[in-house]
């Protein structure tokens, strides 16, 4: 329940809700430093980490016009017996037929039609290296700021 503080009575509690997060994580990364160009092939590695054992993880590649899976590669499938002790890597080869930045998605999920937990990740064919570097820079600036202002960490404790 979300209400503005001006309409909330003193006896009501403001409830903060959180998005449910799966107990597994998926990261997409191109497995070479070569840039993706029109007509080129590229391989994406999906690294899957889990905090619990997963008996079956389903997946589906969602591709924009201009990117296709290399012949013989499945668009969807499942992986069995994922363990929290070992990262699982799903690799797929693609063919790029565009000069534009296109977004490749990998949707992963566990469960059945009525009770499903899912995670979707995205890879940008042209801009991903820049996006990754910007994210790294933001994290580094945040760490540097906290080192310069340790009193902020004390406030959290």
C-alpha atoms as a PDB file:
ATOM      1  CA  UNK A   1       0.000   0.000   0.000  1.00  0.00           C
ATOM      2  CA  UNK A   2       1.491   3.314  -1.025  1.00  0.00           C
ATOM      3  CA  UNK A   3       0.039   6.563   0.241  1.00  0.00           C
ATOM      4  CA  UNK A   4       1.342  10.069   0.468  1.00  0.00           C
ATOM      5  CA  UNK A   5       2.235  11.215   3.970  1.00  0.00           C
ATOM      6  CA  UNK A   6      -0.383  13.983   3.779  1.00  0.00           C
ATOM      7  CA  UNK A   7      -3.277  11.501   3.436  1.00  0.00           C
ATOM      8  CA  UNK A   8      -1.963   8.784   5.740  1.00  0.00           C
ATOM      9  CA  UNK A   9      -3.571   8.596   9.164  1.00  0.00           C
ATOM     10  CA  UNK A  10      -1.386   8.160  12.239  1.00  0.00           C
ATOM     11  CA  UNK A  11      -2.674   4.602  12.791  1.00  0.00           C
ATOM     12  CA  UNK A  12      -1.763   3.316   9.303  1.00  0.00           C
ATOM     13  CA  UNK A  13       1.600   1.861   8.453  1.00  0.00           C
ATOM     14  CA  UNK A  14       3.358   2.610   5.234  1.00  0.00           C
ATOM     15  CA  UNK A  15       4.299  -0.762   3.775  1.00  0.00           C
ATOM     16  CA  UNK A  16       7.391  -1.026   1.598  1.00  0.00           C
ATOM     17  CA  UNK A  17       7.268  -3.823  -0.908  1.00  0.00           C
ATOM     18  CA  UNK A  18      10.199  -5.527  -2.610  1.00  0.00           C
ATOM     19  CA  UNK A  19      10.454  -7.266  -5.923  1.00  0.00           C
ATOM     20  CA  UNK A  20      11.037 -10.967  -5.375  1.00  0.00           C
ATOM     21  CA  UNK A  21      14.471 -11.931  -6.616  1.00  0.00           C
ATOM     22  CA  UNK A  22      15.329 -15.441  -7.737  1.00  0.00           C
ATOM     23  CA  UNK A  23      17.976 -17.405  -5.870  1.00  0.00           C
ATOM     24  CA  UNK A  24      19.930 -17.734  -9.097  1.00  0.00           C
ATOM     25  CA  UNK A  25      21.782 -15.124 -11.119  1.00  0.00           C
ATOM     26  CA  UNK A  26      22.615 -15.029 -14.819  1.00  0.00           C
ATOM     27  CA  UNK A  27      25.293 -12.901 -16.508  1.00  0.00           C
ATOM     28  CA  UNK A  28      25.857 -12.618 -20.255  1.00  0.00           C
ATOM     29  CA  UNK A  29      29.299 -11.940 -21.665  1.00  0.00           C
ATOM     30  CA  UNK A  30      30.826 -12.074 -25.122  1.00  0.00           C
ATOM     31  CA  UNK A  31      33.676 -14.577 -25.008  1.00  0.00           C
ATOM     32  CA  UNK A  32      36.116 -12.614 -27.216  1.00  0.00           C
ATOM     33  CA  UNK A  33      37.352  -9.042 -27.340  1.00  0.00           C
ATOM     34  CA  UNK A  34      36.588  -8.789 -31.064  1.00  0.00           C
ATOM     35  CA  UNK A  35      33.901  -6.210 -31.905  1.00  0.00           C
ATOM     36  CA  UNK A  36      30.630  -7.473 -33.335  1.00  0.00           C
ATOM     37  CA  UNK A  37      30.197  -6.349 -36.928  1.00  0.00           C
ATOM     38  CA  UNK A  38      27.628  -6.820 -39.647  1.00  0.00           C
ATOM     39  CA  UNK A  39      27.988 -10.384 -40.943  1.00  0.00           C
ATOM     40  CA  UNK A  40      30.149 -11.560 -38.058  1.00  0.00           C
ATOM     41  CA  UNK A  41      29.608 -14.452 -35.692  1.00  0.00           C
ATOM     42  CA  UNK A  42      29.912 -14.074 -31.948  1.00  0.00           C
ATOM     43  CA  UNK A  43      29.545 -16.330 -28.924  1.00  0.00           C
ATOM     44  CA  UNK A  44      27.772 -15.353 -25.715  1.00  0.00           C
ATOM     45  CA  UNK A  45      28.466 -17.191 -22.478  1.00  0.00           C
ATOM     46  CA  UNK A  46      25.677 -17.155 -19.899  1.00  0.00           C
ATOM     47  CA  UNK A  47      27.180 -17.809 -16.472  1.00  0.00           C
ATOM     48  CA  UNK A  48      24.582 -19.110 -14.033  1.00  0.00           C
ATOM     49  CA  UNK A  49      25.188 -19.013 -10.286  1.00  0.00           C
ATOM     50  CA  UNK A  50      22.746 -20.348  -7.748  1.00  0.00           C
ATOM     51  CA  UNK A  51      22.457 -20.325  -3.965  1.00  0.00           C
ATOM     52  CA  UNK A  52      20.351 -23.526  -3.990  1.00  0.00           C
ATOM     53  CA  UNK A  53      20.379 -26.706  -6.019  1.00  0.00           C
ATOM     54  CA  UNK A  54      18.166 -26.388  -9.106  1.00  0.00           C
ATOM     55  CA  UNK A  55      16.855 -29.589 -10.658  1.00  0.00           C
ATOM     56  CA  UNK A  56      15.825 -27.956 -13.973  1.00  0.00           C
ATOM     57  CA  UNK A  57      16.470 -24.437 -15.274  1.00  0.00           C
ATOM     58  CA  UNK A  58      14.634 -23.546 -18.482  1.00  0.00           C
ATOM     59  CA  UNK A  59      15.955 -20.976 -20.942  1.00  0.00           C
ATOM     60  CA  UNK A  60      14.937 -19.167 -24.111  1.00  0.00           C
ATOM     61  CA  UNK A  61      16.940 -16.806 -26.340  1.00  0.00           C
ATOM     62  CA  UNK A  62      14.851 -13.831 -27.427  1.00  0.00           C
ATOM     63  CA  UNK A  63      16.404 -12.363 -30.556  1.00  0.00           C
ATOM     64  CA  UNK A  64      15.752  -9.124 -32.417  1.00  0.00           C
ATOM     65  CA  UNK A  65      15.530  -8.944 -36.180  1.00  0.00           C
ATOM     66  CA  UNK A  66      19.142  -8.848 -37.363  1.00  0.00           C
ATOM     67  CA  UNK A  67      20.516 -11.477 -34.975  1.00  0.00           C
ATOM     68  CA  UNK A  68      20.026 -15.208 -35.351  1.00  0.00           C
ATOM     69  CA  UNK A  69      21.333 -18.315 -33.697  1.00  0.00           C
ATOM     70  CA  UNK A  70      23.979 -20.205 -35.653  1.00  0.00           C
ATOM     71  CA  UNK A  71      22.592 -23.318 -37.355  1.00  0.00           C
ATOM     72  CA  UNK A  72      22.164 -26.235 -34.974  1.00  0.00           C
ATOM     73  CA  UNK A  73      21.915 -24.080 -31.841  1.00  0.00           C
ATOM     74  CA  UNK A  74      18.673 -24.450 -29.855  1.00  0.00           C
ATOM     75  CA  UNK A  75      16.543 -21.340 -29.265  1.00  0.00           C
ATOM     76  CA  UNK A  76      15.260 -22.817 -26.012  1.00  0.00           C
ATOM     77  CA  UNK A  77      15.924 -25.721 -23.716  1.00  0.00           C
ATOM     78  CA  UNK A  78      16.719 -26.715 -20.172  1.00  0.00           C
ATOM     79  CA  UNK A  79      19.737 -27.413 -18.005  1.00  0.00           C
ATOM     80  CA  UNK A  80      19.616 -30.097 -15.307  1.00  0.00           C
ATOM     81  CA  UNK A  81      21.149 -30.319 -11.860  1.00  0.00           C
ATOM     82  CA  UNK A  82      22.662 -26.888 -11.190  1.00  0.00           C
ATOM     83  CA  UNK A  83      24.691 -26.739  -8.000  1.00  0.00           C
ATOM     84  CA  UNK A  84      25.630 -23.820  -5.753  1.00  0.00           C
ATOM     85  CA  UNK A  85      29.165 -25.206  -5.674  1.00  0.00           C
ATOM     86  CA  UNK A  86      29.772 -24.957  -9.437  1.00  0.00           C
ATOM     87  CA  UNK A  87      28.940 -22.155 -11.881  1.00  0.00           C
ATOM     88  CA  UNK A  88      27.145 -23.382 -14.975  1.00  0.00           C
ATOM     89  CA  UNK A  89      27.960 -21.867 -18.371  1.00  0.00           C
ATOM     90  CA  UNK A  90      25.557 -21.955 -21.306  1.00  0.00           C
ATOM     91  CA  UNK A  91      27.205 -20.876 -24.571  1.00  0.00           C
ATOM     92  CA  UNK A  92      25.502 -20.002 -27.836  1.00  0.00           C
ATOM     93  CA  UNK A  93      26.824 -18.790 -31.175  1.00  0.00           C
ATOM     94  CA  UNK A  94      25.016 -16.030 -33.054  1.00  0.00           C
ATOM     95  CA  UNK A  95      25.210 -14.382 -36.459  1.00  0.00           C
ATOM     96  CA  UNK A  96      24.861 -10.598 -36.597  1.00  0.00           C
ATOM     97  CA  UNK A  97      23.308  -9.067 -39.719  1.00  0.00           C
ATOM     98  CA  UNK A  98      23.099  -5.429 -38.665  1.00  0.00           C
ATOM     99  CA  UNK A  99      25.191  -2.299 -38.184  1.00  0.00           C
ATOM    100  CA  UNK A 100      22.916  -1.165 -35.345  1.00  0.00           C
ATOM    101  CA  UNK A 101      23.027  -1.911 -31.636  1.00  0.00           C
ATOM    102  CA  UNK A 102      20.667  -4.812 -31.097  1.00  0.00           C
ATOM    103  CA  UNK A 103      19.523  -6.324 -27.810  1.00  0.00           C
ATOM    104  CA  UNK A 104      19.798 -10.077 -27.298  1.00  0.00           C
ATOM    105  CA  UNK A 105      17.858 -11.400 -24.300  1.00  0.00           C
ATOM    106  CA  UNK A 106      18.150 -14.646 -22.409  1.00  0.00           C
ATOM    107  CA  UNK A 107      15.106 -15.556 -20.336  1.00  0.00           C
ATOM    108  CA  UNK A 108      15.651 -18.185 -17.652  1.00  0.00           C
ATOM    109  CA  UNK A 109      13.094 -19.661 -15.285  1.00  0.00           C
ATOM    110  CA  UNK A 110      12.339 -22.441 -12.859  1.00  0.00           C
ATOM    111  CA  UNK A 111       8.979 -23.860 -11.937  1.00  0.00           C
ATOM    112  CA  UNK A 112       5.783 -24.642 -13.779  1.00  0.00           C
ATOM    113  CA  UNK A 113       3.102 -22.491 -15.442  1.00  0.00           C
ATOM    114  CA  UNK A 114       1.460 -21.518 -12.154  1.00  0.00           C
ATOM    115  CA  UNK A 115       4.520 -21.061  -9.934  1.00  0.00           C
ATOM    116  CA  UNK A 116       7.461 -19.577 -11.805  1.00  0.00           C
ATOM    117  CA  UNK A 117      10.593 -17.633 -10.848  1.00  0.00           C
ATOM    118  CA  UNK A 118      12.391 -16.034 -13.753  1.00  0.00           C
ATOM    119  CA  UNK A 119      15.280 -13.788 -14.672  1.00  0.00           C
ATOM    120  CA  UNK A 120      15.896 -12.080 -18.006  1.00  0.00           C
ATOM    121  CA  UNK A 121      19.266 -10.608 -18.952  1.00  0.00           C
ATOM    122  CA  UNK A 122      20.261  -8.486 -21.922  1.00  0.00           C
ATOM    123  CA  UNK A 123      23.331  -8.137 -24.130  1.00  0.00           C
ATOM    124  CA  UNK A 124      23.829  -5.166 -26.473  1.00  0.00           C
ATOM    125  CA  UNK A 125      25.631  -6.102 -29.682  1.00  0.00           C
ATOM    126  CA  UNK A 126      27.486  -2.783 -30.088  1.00  0.00           C
ATOM    127  CA  UNK A 127      27.234  -0.930 -26.784  1.00  0.00           C
ATOM    128  CA  UNK A 128      27.818  -3.677 -24.184  1.00  0.00           C
ATOM    129  CA  UNK A 129      31.535  -2.980 -23.654  1.00  0.00           C
ATOM    130  CA  UNK A 130      30.755   0.698 -23.036  1.00  0.00           C
ATOM    131  CA  UNK A 131      27.873  -0.164 -20.682  1.00  0.00           C
ATOM    132  CA  UNK A 132      30.045  -2.608 -18.707  1.00  0.00           C
ATOM    133  CA  UNK A 133      32.828  -0.023 -18.361  1.00  0.00           C
ATOM    134  CA  UNK A 134      30.391   2.671 -17.207  1.00  0.00           C
ATOM    135  CA  UNK A 135      28.935   0.310 -14.572  1.00  0.00           C
ATOM    136  CA  UNK A 136      32.439  -0.543 -13.359  1.00  0.00           C
ATOM    137  CA  UNK A 137      33.328   3.170 -13.172  1.00  0.00           C
ATOM    138  CA  UNK A 138      30.197   3.923 -11.133  1.00  0.00           C
ATOM    139  CA  UNK A 139      31.021   1.157  -8.629  1.00  0.00           C
ATOM    140  CA  UNK A 140      34.636   2.337  -8.346  1.00  0.00           C
ATOM    141  CA  UNK A 141      33.528   5.953  -7.756  1.00  0.00           C
ATOM    142  CA  UNK A 142      31.089   4.769  -5.084  1.00  0.00           C
ATOM    143  CA  UNK A 143      33.797   2.773  -3.296  1.00  0.00           C
ATOM    144  CA  UNK A 144      36.190   5.714  -3.516  1.00  0.00           C
ATOM    145  CA  UNK A 145      33.532   8.032  -2.102  1.00  0.00           C
ATOM    146  CA  UNK A 146      32.908   5.678   0.824  1.00  0.00           C
ATOM    147  CA  UNK A 147      36.649   5.483   1.517  1.00  0.00           C
ATOM    148  CA  UNK A 148      36.744   9.288   1.624  1.00  0.00           C
ATOM    149  CA  UNK A 149      33.658   9.398   3.874  1.00  0.00           C
ATOM    150  CA  UNK A 150      33.919   6.455   6.325  1.00  0.00           C
ATOM    151  CA  UNK A 151      31.407   8.141   8.617  1.00  0.00           C
ATOM    152  CA  UNK A 152      28.687   7.113   6.156  1.00  0.00           C
ATOM    153  CA  UNK A 153      29.479   3.469   6.852  1.00  0.00           C
ATOM    154  CA  UNK A 154      29.282   4.106  10.581  1.00  0.00           C
ATOM    155  CA  UNK A 155      25.765   5.550  10.148  1.00  0.00           C
ATOM    156  CA  UNK A 156      24.607   2.293   8.562  1.00  0.00           C
ATOM    157  CA  UNK A 157      25.761   0.112  11.483  1.00  0.00           C
END
